[in-house]
Amino acid sequence: MKLGKKGISLQGLPGVAMAFVLIGVMLAIGTYILSSISTTGGFVAESAQDYVIRNATAGLLTLGQWLPLVALVIAAGIVIAVLVGSFGGRGV
């Protein structure tokens, strides 16, 4: 991915898209593992380990809720960059 003074070029967008997909997959796998540990881990309810696992799972789920907004901002940035580049006389 080429990052210059003006930001990411259009040639670098497949790498950004792949990174976005990998982040989503890692969040899904992490949430699955943590939820399976909390149900089959044998921890005493309300113990420190149970508390940590529940908080980590909640944090991953909250982070996953932000992914659609991040994708929308990235898509809007691409559209604005193409429009500005086209009408500004600079080729993108």
Protein backbone atom coordinates (compact mmCIF):
# COMPACT_ATOMS: atom_id res chain seq x y z
CA MET A 1 0.00 0.00 0.00
CA LYS A 2 1.47 3.29 -1.07
CA LEU A 3 0.92 6.17 1.32
CA GLY A 4 2.05 9.53 0.06
CA LYS A 5 1.36 13.13 0.96
CA LYS A 6 -2.20 12.89 -0.34
CA GLY A 7 -3.12 9.64 1.42
CA ILE A 8 -3.76 6.17 0.06
CA SER A 9 -3.79 5.75 -3.69
CA LEU A 10 -6.51 3.75 -5.45
CA GLN A 11 -3.96 1.03 -6.17
CA GLY A 12 -3.64 0.43 -2.44
CA LEU A 13 -7.35 -0.09 -1.82
CA PRO A 14 -7.37 -3.88 -2.26
CA GLY A 15 -4.88 -4.10 0.59
CA VAL A 16 -7.07 -1.89 2.77
CA ALA A 17 -10.12 -4.02 1.94
CA MET A 18 -8.23 -7.21 2.78
CA ALA A 19 -7.06 -5.74 6.09
CA PHE A 20 -10.66 -4.79 6.90
CA VAL A 21 -11.84 -8.33 6.17
CA LEU A 22 -9.04 -9.81 8.29
CA ILE A 23 -9.96 -7.57 11.20
CA GLY A 24 -13.55 -8.81 10.98
CA VAL A 25 -12.46 -12.44 10.84
CA MET A 26 -10.12 -12.00 13.81
CA LEU A 27 -12.89 -10.36 15.84
CA ALA A 28 -15.26 -13.21 15.02
CA ILE A 29 -12.74 -15.90 15.93
CA GLY A 30 -11.73 -14.13 19.13
CA THR A 31 -15.34 -13.73 20.22
CA TYR A 32 -16.08 -17.39 19.44
CA ILE A 33 -13.07 -18.60 21.42
CA LEU A 34 -13.82 -16.39 24.41
CA SER A 35 -17.48 -17.39 24.50
CA SER A 36 -16.61 -21.09 24.29
CA ILE A 37 -14.05 -20.68 27.09
CA SER A 38 -16.60 -18.95 29.28
CA THR A 39 -19.17 -21.75 28.83
CA THR A 40 -16.81 -24.74 29.05
CA GLY A 41 -13.86 -23.31 30.99
CA GLY A 42 -15.05 -24.52 34.36
CA PHE A 43 -14.56 -21.13 35.99
CA VAL A 44 -16.54 -20.31 39.08
CA ALA A 45 -19.24 -17.76 38.36
CA GLU A 46 -18.24 -14.25 39.42
CA SER A 47 -14.58 -15.24 39.75
CA ALA A 48 -11.79 -13.02 38.44
CA GLN A 49 -11.24 -15.27 35.40
CA ASP A 50 -14.95 -15.26 34.56
CA TYR A 51 -15.06 -11.48 34.92
CA VAL A 52 -12.07 -10.99 32.60
CA ILE A 53 -13.48 -13.33 29.94
CA ARG A 54 -16.90 -11.67 30.03
CA ASN A 55 -15.36 -8.20 29.75
CA ALA A 56 -13.09 -9.25 26.87
CA THR A 57 -16.04 -10.78 25.02
CA ALA A 58 -18.11 -7.63 25.54
CA GLY A 59 -15.22 -5.49 24.31
CA LEU A 60 -14.81 -7.52 21.14
CA LEU A 61 -18.54 -7.38 20.46
CA THR A 62 -18.54 -3.59 20.94
CA LEU A 63 -15.57 -3.22 18.60
CA GLY A 64 -17.36 -5.35 16.02
CA GLN A 65 -20.36 -3.02 16.13
CA TRP A 66 -18.16 -0.19 14.85
CA LEU A 67 -17.06 -2.04 11.69
CA PRO A 68 -20.04 -0.97 9.52
CA LEU A 69 -19.44 2.68 10.40
CA VAL A 70 -15.74 2.37 9.59
CA ALA A 71 -16.60 0.76 6.25
CA LEU A 72 -19.04 3.57 5.47
CA VAL A 73 -16.43 6.22 6.25
CA ILE A 74 -13.86 4.45 4.05
CA ALA A 75 -16.34 4.16 1.17
CA ALA A 76 -17.36 7.81 1.51
CA GLY A 77 -13.69 8.82 1.50
CA ILE A 78 -13.10 6.87 -1.70
CA VAL A 79 -16.10 8.45 -3.41
CA ILE A 80 -15.08 11.95 -2.33
CA ALA A 81 -11.49 11.38 -3.46
CA VAL A 82 -12.63 10.17 -6.89
CA LEU A 83 -15.04 13.10 -7.30
CA VAL A 84 -12.50 15.68 -6.20
CA GLY A 85 -9.86 14.11 -8.39
CA SER A 86 -12.15 14.04 -11.41
CA PHE A 87 -13.52 17.55 -11.10
CA GLY A 88 -10.28 19.05 -9.87
CA GLY A 89 -8.47 18.11 -13.05
CA ARG A 90 -6.15 15.71 -11.28
CA GLY A 91 -6.42 12.09 -12.38
CA VAL A 92 -6.84 9.49 -9.66
